[in-house]
C-alpha atoms as a PDB file:
ATOM      1  CA  MET A   1       2.662 -21.985   3.577  1.00  0.00           C
ATOM      2  CA  THR A   2       5.223 -20.000   5.745  1.00  0.00           C
ATOM      3  CA  ALA A   3       5.569 -16.256   6.073  1.00  0.00           C
ATOM      4  CA  PRO A   4       8.568 -14.845   4.591  1.00  0.00           C
ATOM      5  CA  SER A   5      11.098 -13.970   6.238  1.00  0.00           C
ATOM      6  CA  PRO A   6      12.078  -9.907   6.900  1.00  0.00           C
ATOM      7  CA  VAL A   7      15.457 -10.469   5.208  1.00  0.00           C
ATOM      8  CA  ALA A   8      12.910 -11.810   1.913  1.00  0.00           C
ATOM      9  CA  ARG A   9      11.067  -8.690   2.881  1.00  0.00           C
ATOM     10  CA  VAL A  10      13.190  -6.711   2.969  1.00  0.00           C
ATOM     11  CA  GLU A  11      15.109  -7.558  -0.310  1.00  0.00           C
ATOM     12  CA  GLU A  12      11.674  -7.470  -2.288  1.00  0.00           C
ATOM     13  CA  ASN A  13      10.793  -3.538  -0.910  1.00  0.00           C
ATOM     14  CA  THR A  14      13.928  -2.351  -2.026  1.00  0.00           C
ATOM     15  CA  ALA A  15      13.632  -4.055  -5.428  1.00  0.00           C
ATOM     16  CA  ALA A  16      10.355  -2.130  -5.486  1.00  0.00           C
ATOM     17  CA  ASP A  17      12.636   0.948  -5.469  1.00  0.00           C
ATOM     18  CA  GLY A  18      13.739   0.460  -8.560  1.00  0.00           C
ATOM     19  CA  ILE A  19      10.688   0.786 -10.480  1.00  0.00           C
ATOM     20  CA  GLU A  20       8.765   3.952 -12.199  1.00  0.00           C
ATOM     21  CA  LEU A  21       5.141   5.034 -12.654  1.00  0.00           C
ATOM     22  CA  SER A  22       4.787   6.941 -16.063  1.00  0.00           C
ATOM     23  CA  ALA A  23       2.507   9.846 -15.454  1.00  0.00           C
ATOM     24  CA  GLU A  24      -0.571   8.500 -16.397  1.00  0.00           C
ATOM     25  CA  GLN A  25      -0.045   5.606 -13.990  1.00  0.00           C
ATOM     26  CA  LEU A  26       0.809   8.137 -11.266  1.00  0.00           C
ATOM     27  CA  ALA A  27      -2.878   9.700 -12.108  1.00  0.00           C
ATOM     28  CA  GLU A  28      -4.493   6.618 -12.712  1.00  0.00           C
ATOM     29  CA  LEU A  29      -3.352   6.131  -8.894  1.00  0.00           C
ATOM     30  CA  ASP A  30      -4.071   9.029  -7.661  1.00  0.00           C
ATOM     31  CA  SER A  31      -7.573   9.408  -8.888  1.00  0.00           C
ATOM     32  CA  LEU A  32      -8.363   6.158  -7.002  1.00  0.00           C
ATOM     33  CA  THR A  33     -11.133   6.332  -4.146  1.00  0.00           C
ATOM     34  CA  LEU A  34      -9.473   5.856  -1.068  1.00  0.00           C
ATOM     35  CA  ALA A  35     -11.407   2.494   0.414  1.00  0.00           C
ATOM     36  CA  ALA A  36     -14.121   2.972   2.741  1.00  0.00           C
ATOM     37  CA  GLY A  37     -14.705   0.931   6.255  1.00  0.00           C
ATOM     38  CA  ASP A  38     -13.623  -0.358   9.073  1.00  0.00           C
ATOM     39  CA  HIS A  39     -10.226  -1.705   7.626  1.00  0.00           C
ATOM     40  CA  HIS A  40      -7.868  -0.119  10.246  1.00  0.00           C
ATOM     41  CA  ASP A  41      -7.679  -0.354  14.388  1.00  0.00           C
ATOM     42  CA  GLU A  42      -6.608   2.754  15.972  1.00  0.00           C
ATOM     43  CA  MET A  43      -2.856   2.835  15.858  1.00  0.00           C
ATOM     44  CA  GLY A  44      -3.837   2.069  11.379  1.00  0.00           C
ATOM     45  CA  ARG A  45      -6.160   5.152  10.920  1.00  0.00           C
ATOM     46  CA  ARG A  46      -3.236   7.477  13.109  1.00  0.00           C
ATOM     47  CA  LEU A  47      -0.466   6.310  10.524  1.00  0.00           C
ATOM     48  CA  LEU A  48      -2.087   6.342   7.500  1.00  0.00           C
ATOM     49  CA  GLY A  49      -3.598  10.005   8.882  1.00  0.00           C
ATOM     50  CA  ARG A  50      -6.850   9.360   9.304  1.00  0.00           C
END
């Protein structure tokens, strides 16, 4: 399987911009517990504000 091209990634991400979540869906996302563990390197943690 080949990785998507950068153009395909941009198209995919911009298509998601048109999605609207309901108040219930947003509340469910807000209630989720953050992942625990060492999933990100130092730079990734800085980008996430952790």
